[in-house]
PDB file of N, CA and C in Angstrom:
ATOM      1  N   UNK A   1       7.250  14.620  -6.103  1.00  0.00           N
ATOM      2  CA  UNK A   1       7.109  13.831  -7.308  1.00  0.00           C
ATOM      3  C   UNK A   1       6.389  14.628  -8.384  1.00  0.00           C
ATOM      4  N   UNK A   2       5.119  14.918  -8.214  1.00  0.00           N
ATOM      5  CA  UNK A   2       4.395  15.753  -9.158  1.00  0.00           C
ATOM      6  C   UNK A   2       3.781  16.902  -8.385  1.00  0.00           C
ATOM      7  N   UNK A   3       3.414  17.920  -9.104  1.00  0.00           N
ATOM      8  CA  UNK A   3       2.763  19.053  -8.453  1.00  0.00           C
ATOM      9  C   UNK A   3       1.424  19.295  -9.122  1.00  0.00           C
ATOM     10  N   UNK A   4       0.653  20.158  -8.518  1.00  0.00           N
ATOM     11  CA  UNK A   4      -0.679  20.444  -9.048  1.00  0.00           C
ATOM     12  C   UNK A   4      -0.614  21.096 -10.421  1.00  0.00           C
ATOM     13  N   UNK A   5       0.514  21.706 -10.749  1.00  0.00           N
ATOM     14  CA  UNK A   5       0.624  22.376 -12.035  1.00  0.00           C
ATOM     15  C   UNK A   5       1.045  21.437 -13.155  1.00  0.00           C
ATOM     16  N   UNK A   6       1.497  20.222 -12.825  1.00  0.00           N
ATOM     17  CA  UNK A   6       1.874  19.257 -13.850  1.00  0.00           C
ATOM     18  C   UNK A   6       0.641  18.776 -14.598  1.00  0.00           C
ATOM     19  N   UNK A   7       0.830  18.493 -15.871  1.00  0.00           N
ATOM     20  CA  UNK A   7      -0.266  18.000 -16.697  1.00  0.00           C
ATOM     21  C   UNK A   7      -0.274  16.487 -16.666  1.00  0.00           C
ATOM     22  N   UNK A   8      -1.420  15.925 -16.432  1.00  0.00           N
ATOM     23  CA  UNK A   8      -1.569  14.473 -16.437  1.00  0.00           C
ATOM     24  C   UNK A   8      -2.413  14.112 -17.653  1.00  0.00           C
ATOM     25  N   UNK A   9      -1.883  13.245 -18.483  1.00  0.00           N
ATOM     26  CA  UNK A   9      -2.591  12.818 -19.683  1.00  0.00           C
ATOM     27  C   UNK A   9      -3.300  11.506 -19.376  1.00  0.00           C
ATOM     28  N   UNK A  10      -4.615  11.507 -19.493  1.00  0.00           N
ATOM     29  CA  UNK A  10      -5.399  10.296 -19.240  1.00  0.00           C
ATOM     30  C   UNK A  10      -5.305   9.413 -20.486  1.00  0.00           C
ATOM     31  N   UNK A  11      -4.575   8.328 -20.328  1.00  0.00           N
ATOM     32  CA  UNK A  11      -4.342   7.409 -21.440  1.00  0.00           C
ATOM     33  C   UNK A  11      -5.236   6.178 -21.314  1.00  0.00           C
ATOM     34  N   UNK A  12      -5.184   5.339 -22.308  1.00  0.00           N
ATOM     35  CA  UNK A  12      -5.919   4.071 -22.276  1.00  0.00           C
ATOM     36  C   UNK A  12      -5.442   3.227 -21.086  1.00  0.00           C
ATOM     37  N   UNK A  13      -4.133   3.236 -20.848  1.00  0.00           N
ATOM     38  CA  UNK A  13      -3.593   2.453 -19.731  1.00  0.00           C
ATOM     39  C   UNK A  13      -4.070   2.990 -18.395  1.00  0.00           C
ATOM     40  N   UNK A  14      -4.185   4.314 -18.256  1.00  0.00           N
ATOM     41  CA  UNK A  14      -4.696   4.876 -17.006  1.00  0.00           C
ATOM     42  C   UNK A  14      -6.153   4.488 -16.818  1.00  0.00           C
ATOM     43  N   UNK A  15      -6.932   4.529 -17.867  1.00  0.00           N
ATOM     44  CA  UNK A  15      -8.340   4.110 -17.764  1.00  0.00           C
ATOM     45  C   UNK A  15      -8.435   2.644 -17.357  1.00  0.00           C
ATOM     46  N   UNK A  16      -7.542   1.814 -17.885  1.00  0.00           N
ATOM     47  CA  UNK A  16      -7.518   0.400 -17.478  1.00  0.00           C
ATOM     48  C   UNK A  16      -7.143   0.283 -16.005  1.00  0.00           C
ATOM     49  N   UNK A  17      -6.181   1.102 -15.558  1.00  0.00           N
ATOM     50  CA  UNK A  17      -5.782   1.096 -14.156  1.00  0.00           C
ATOM     51  C   UNK A  17      -6.953   1.472 -13.257  1.00  0.00           C
ATOM     52  N   UNK A  18      -7.695   2.522 -13.624  1.00  0.00           N
ATOM     53  CA  UNK A  18      -8.825   2.937 -12.787  1.00  0.00           C
ATOM     54  C   UNK A  18      -9.912   1.876 -12.764  1.00  0.00           C
ATOM     55  N   UNK A  19     -10.128   1.206 -13.890  1.00  0.00           N
ATOM     56  CA  UNK A  19     -11.096   0.113 -13.912  1.00  0.00           C
ATOM     57  C   UNK A  19     -10.663  -0.999 -12.959  1.00  0.00           C
ATOM     58  N   UNK A  20      -9.377  -1.338 -13.001  1.00  0.00           N
ATOM     59  CA  UNK A  20      -8.815  -2.351 -12.106  1.00  0.00           C
ATOM     60  C   UNK A  20      -8.959  -1.922 -10.644  1.00  0.00           C
ATOM     61  N   UNK A  21      -8.576  -0.683 -10.339  1.00  0.00           N
ATOM     62  CA  UNK A  21      -8.615  -0.199  -8.962  1.00  0.00           C
ATOM     63  C   UNK A  21     -10.047  -0.148  -8.426  1.00  0.00           C
ATOM     64  N   UNK A  22     -10.986   0.259  -9.258  1.00  0.00           N
ATOM     65  CA  UNK A  22     -12.389   0.280  -8.827  1.00  0.00           C
ATOM     66  C   UNK A  22     -12.918  -1.129  -8.577  1.00  0.00           C
ATOM     67  N   UNK A  23     -12.528  -2.084  -9.408  1.00  0.00           N
ATOM     68  CA  UNK A  23     -12.958  -3.479  -9.214  1.00  0.00           C
ATOM     69  C   UNK A  23     -12.369  -4.043  -7.924  1.00  0.00           C
ATOM     70  N   UNK A  24     -11.105  -3.745  -7.663  1.00  0.00           N
ATOM     71  CA  UNK A  24     -10.458  -4.208  -6.428  1.00  0.00           C
ATOM     72  C   UNK A  24     -11.180  -3.634  -5.223  1.00  0.00           C
ATOM     73  N   UNK A  25     -11.507  -2.358  -5.279  1.00  0.00           N
ATOM     74  CA  UNK A  25     -12.198  -1.719  -4.160  1.00  0.00           C
ATOM     75  C   UNK A  25     -13.595  -2.312  -3.977  1.00  0.00           C
ATOM     76  N   UNK A  26     -14.315  -2.473  -5.079  1.00  0.00           N
ATOM     77  CA  UNK A  26     -15.689  -2.978  -5.002  1.00  0.00           C
ATOM     78  C   UNK A  26     -15.756  -4.406  -4.457  1.00  0.00           C
ATOM     79  N   UNK A  27     -14.835  -5.253  -4.894  1.00  0.00           N
ATOM     80  CA  UNK A  27     -14.868  -6.662  -4.497  1.00  0.00           C
ATOM     81  C   UNK A  27     -13.984  -6.980  -3.297  1.00  0.00           C
ATOM     82  N   UNK A  28     -13.357  -5.941  -2.756  1.00  0.00           N
ATOM     83  CA  UNK A  28     -12.522  -6.068  -1.555  1.00  0.00           C
ATOM     84  C   UNK A  28     -11.412  -7.104  -1.718  1.00  0.00           C
ATOM     85  N   UNK A  29     -10.690  -6.972  -2.813  1.00  0.00           N
ATOM     86  CA  UNK A  29      -9.536  -7.810  -3.084  1.00  0.00           C
ATOM     87  C   UNK A  29      -8.276  -6.971  -2.964  1.00  0.00           C
ATOM     88  N   UNK A  30      -7.138  -7.633  -2.918  1.00  0.00           N
ATOM     89  CA  UNK A  30      -5.850  -6.956  -2.978  1.00  0.00           C
ATOM     90  C   UNK A  30      -5.375  -7.058  -4.412  1.00  0.00           C
ATOM     91  N   UNK A  31      -5.049  -5.941  -5.004  1.00  0.00           N
ATOM     92  CA  UNK A  31      -4.559  -5.922  -6.379  1.00  0.00           C
ATOM     93  C   UNK A  31      -3.090  -5.570  -6.414  1.00  0.00           C
ATOM     94  N   UNK A  32      -2.365  -6.202  -7.290  1.00  0.00           N
ATOM     95  CA  UNK A  32      -0.941  -5.931  -7.438  1.00  0.00           C
ATOM     96  C   UNK A  32      -0.682  -5.466  -8.863  1.00  0.00           C
ATOM     97  N   UNK A  33      -0.064  -4.329  -8.987  1.00  0.00           N
ATOM     98  CA  UNK A  33       0.340  -3.819 -10.291  1.00  0.00           C
ATOM     99  C   UNK A  33       1.835  -4.052 -10.431  1.00  0.00           C
ATOM    100  N   UNK A  34       2.216  -4.626 -11.531  1.00  0.00           N
ATOM    101  CA  UNK A  34       3.633  -4.853 -11.760  1.00  0.00           C
ATOM    102  C   UNK A  34       3.949  -4.566 -13.217  1.00  0.00           C
ATOM    103  N   UNK A  35       5.202  -4.335 -13.477  1.00  0.00           N
ATOM    104  CA  UNK A  35       5.650  -4.047 -14.824  1.00  0.00           C
ATOM    105  C   UNK A  35       6.986  -3.347 -14.792  1.00  0.00           C
ATOM    106  N   UNK A  36       7.506  -3.036 -15.951  1.00  0.00           N
ATOM    107  CA  UNK A  36       8.816  -2.393 -16.003  1.00  0.00           C
ATOM    108  C   UNK A  36       8.764  -0.988 -15.410  1.00  0.00           C
ATOM    109  N   UNK A  37       9.899  -0.517 -14.908  1.00  0.00           N
ATOM    110  CA  UNK A  37       9.929   0.823 -14.348  1.00  0.00           C
ATOM    111  C   UNK A  37       9.674   1.886 -15.411  1.00  0.00           C
ATOM    112  N   UNK A  38       9.015   2.945 -14.978  1.00  0.00           N
ATOM    113  CA  UNK A  38       8.826   4.083 -15.863  1.00  0.00           C
ATOM    114  C   UNK A  38       7.574   4.066 -16.710  1.00  0.00           C
ATOM    115  N   UNK A  39       6.681   3.101 -16.486  1.00  0.00           N
ATOM    116  CA  UNK A  39       5.470   3.044 -17.307  1.00  0.00           C
ATOM    117  C   UNK A  39       4.296   3.783 -16.673  1.00  0.00           C
ATOM    118  N   UNK A  40       4.435   4.229 -15.418  1.00  0.00           N
ATOM    119  CA  UNK A  40       3.400   5.054 -14.807  1.00  0.00           C
ATOM    120  C   UNK A  40       2.565   4.405 -13.727  1.00  0.00           C
ATOM    121  N   UNK A  41       3.029   3.318 -13.155  1.00  0.00           N
ATOM    122  CA  UNK A  41       2.256   2.652 -12.109  1.00  0.00           C
ATOM    123  C   UNK A  41       2.059   3.559 -10.894  1.00  0.00           C
ATOM    124  N   UNK A  42       3.143   4.110 -10.410  1.00  0.00           N
ATOM    125  CA  UNK A  42       3.067   4.967  -9.228  1.00  0.00           C
ATOM    126  C   UNK A  42       2.299   6.245  -9.521  1.00  0.00           C
ATOM    127  N   UNK A  43       2.568   6.861 -10.646  1.00  0.00           N
ATOM    128  CA  UNK A  43       1.874   8.096 -11.010  1.00  0.00           C
ATOM    129  C   UNK A  43       0.370   7.855 -11.155  1.00  0.00           C
ATOM    130  N   UNK A  44      -0.006   6.734 -11.750  1.00  0.00           N
ATOM    131  CA  UNK A  44      -1.430   6.397 -11.884  1.00  0.00           C
ATOM    132  C   UNK A  44      -2.072   6.192 -10.524  1.00  0.00           C
ATOM    133  N   UNK A  45      -1.380   5.500  -9.631  1.00  0.00           N
ATOM    134  CA  UNK A  45      -1.926   5.265  -8.292  1.00  0.00           C
ATOM    135  C   UNK A  45      -2.073   6.568  -7.522  1.00  0.00           C
ATOM    136  N   UNK A  46      -1.073   7.444  -7.630  1.00  0.00           N
ATOM    137  CA  UNK A  46      -1.155   8.742  -6.952  1.00  0.00           C
ATOM    138  C   UNK A  46      -2.321   9.559  -7.489  1.00  0.00           C
ATOM    139  N   UNK A  47      -2.503   9.540  -8.791  1.00  0.00           N
ATOM    140  CA  UNK A  47      -3.601  10.282  -9.421  1.00  0.00           C
ATOM    141  C   UNK A  47      -4.953   9.704  -8.984  1.00  0.00           C
ATOM    142  N   UNK A  48      -5.075   8.395  -9.007  1.00  0.00           N
ATOM    143  CA  UNK A  48      -6.317   7.730  -8.634  1.00  0.00           C
ATOM    144  C   UNK A  48      -6.702   8.051  -7.188  1.00  0.00           C
ATOM    145  N   UNK A  49      -5.708   8.080  -6.309  1.00  0.00           N
ATOM    146  CA  UNK A  49      -5.955   8.319  -4.882  1.00  0.00           C
ATOM    147  C   UNK A  49      -6.045   9.798  -4.530  1.00  0.00           C
ATOM    148  N   UNK A  50      -5.876  10.695  -5.523  1.00  0.00           N
ATOM    149  CA  UNK A  50      -5.858  12.144  -5.273  1.00  0.00           C
ATOM    150  C   UNK A  50      -4.796  12.492  -4.232  1.00  0.00           C
ATOM    151  N   UNK A  51      -3.668  11.789  -4.302  1.00  0.00           N
ATOM    152  CA  UNK A  51      -2.630  11.922  -3.290  1.00  0.00           C
ATOM    153  C   UNK A  51      -2.066  13.333  -3.203  1.00  0.00           C
ATOM    154  N   UNK A  52      -1.924  14.009  -4.337  1.00  0.00           N
ATOM    155  CA  UNK A  52      -1.340  15.346  -4.321  1.00  0.00           C
ATOM    156  C   UNK A  52      -2.192  16.341  -3.547  1.00  0.00           C
ATOM    157  N   UNK A  53      -3.485  16.106  -3.457  1.00  0.00           N
ATOM    158  CA  UNK A  53      -4.329  17.004  -2.669  1.00  0.00           C
ATOM    159  C   UNK A  53      -4.430  16.551  -1.216  1.00  0.00           C
ATOM    160  N   UNK A  54      -4.187  15.295  -0.933  1.00  0.00           N
ATOM    161  CA  UNK A  54      -4.298  14.759   0.425  1.00  0.00           C
ATOM    162  C   UNK A  54      -2.983  14.866   1.191  1.00  0.00           C
ATOM    163  N   UNK A  55      -1.864  14.704   0.497  1.00  0.00           N
ATOM    164  CA  UNK A  55      -0.559  14.652   1.153  1.00  0.00           C
ATOM    165  C   UNK A  55      -0.261  15.862   2.035  1.00  0.00           C
ATOM    166  N   UNK A  56      -0.490  17.102   1.590  1.00  0.00           N
ATOM    167  CA  UNK A  56      -0.193  18.244   2.484  1.00  0.00           C
ATOM    168  C   UNK A  56      -0.995  18.190   3.791  1.00  0.00           C
ATOM    169  N   UNK A  57      -2.243  17.778   3.715  1.00  0.00           N
ATOM    170  CA  UNK A  57      -3.070  17.662   4.920  1.00  0.00           C
ATOM    171  C   UNK A  57      -2.500  16.605   5.862  1.00  0.00           C
ATOM    172  N   UNK A  58      -2.106  15.458   5.305  1.00  0.00           N
ATOM    173  CA  UNK A  58      -1.551  14.392   6.138  1.00  0.00           C
ATOM    174  C   UNK A  58      -0.232  14.812   6.778  1.00  0.00           C
ATOM    175  N   UNK A  59       0.588  15.553   6.043  1.00  0.00           N
ATOM    176  CA  UNK A  59       1.855  16.035   6.614  1.00  0.00           C
ATOM    177  C   UNK A  59       1.586  16.956   7.811  1.00  0.00           C
ATOM    178  N   UNK A  60       0.624  17.870   7.662  1.00  0.00           N
ATOM    179  CA  UNK A  60       0.281  18.762   8.775  1.00  0.00           C
ATOM    180  C   UNK A  60      -0.263  17.956   9.958  1.00  0.00           C
ATOM    181  N   UNK A  61      -1.085  16.977   9.682  1.00  0.00           N
ATOM    182  CA  UNK A  61      -1.657  16.141  10.728  1.00  0.00           C
ATOM    183  C   UNK A  61      -0.565  15.375  11.474  1.00  0.00           C
ATOM    184  N   UNK A  62       0.389  14.838  10.747  1.00  0.00           N
ATOM    185  CA  UNK A  62       1.480  14.093  11.373  1.00  0.00           C
ATOM    186  C   UNK A  62       2.368  15.017  12.219  1.00  0.00           C
ATOM    187  N   UNK A  63       2.644  16.231  11.714  1.00  0.00           N
ATOM    188  CA  UNK A  63       3.440  17.179  12.494  1.00  0.00           C
ATOM    189  C   UNK A  63       2.717  17.561  13.778  1.00  0.00           C
ATOM    190  N   UNK A  64       1.411  17.773  13.698  1.00  0.00           N
ATOM    191  CA  UNK A  64       0.625  18.144  14.878  1.00  0.00           C
ATOM    192  C   UNK A  64       0.619  17.000  15.891  1.00  0.00           C
ATOM    193  N   UNK A  65       0.563  15.785  15.393  1.00  0.00           N
ATOM    194  CA  UNK A  65       0.536  14.620  16.278  1.00  0.00           C
ATOM    195  C   UNK A  65       1.868  14.438  17.001  1.00  0.00           C
ATOM    196  N   UNK A  66       2.971  14.767  16.313  1.00  0.00           N
ATOM    197  CA  UNK A  66       4.295  14.565  16.879  1.00  0.00           C
ATOM    198  C   UNK A  66       4.680  15.638  17.886  1.00  0.00           C
ATOM    199  N   UNK A  67       3.937  16.753  17.947  1.00  0.00           N
ATOM    200  CA  UNK A  67       4.295  17.814  18.888  1.00  0.00           C
ATOM    201  C   UNK A  67       3.589  17.656  20.196  1.00  0.00           C
TER     202      UNK A  67
END
């Protein structure tokens, strides 16, 4: 999806997303993000979770577990 070399622009909407995600985490609620496709929901979630740095480690871990 994205790579470490891609530029991510922190927008007002991303800041709102992080505020929402931090509140959900702090209060232990389930949050649902919805909206039209292409507005950045998935990209914001991946960025917030640092998924691009975690995913390679998880892939290696899963391969090791399956062998």
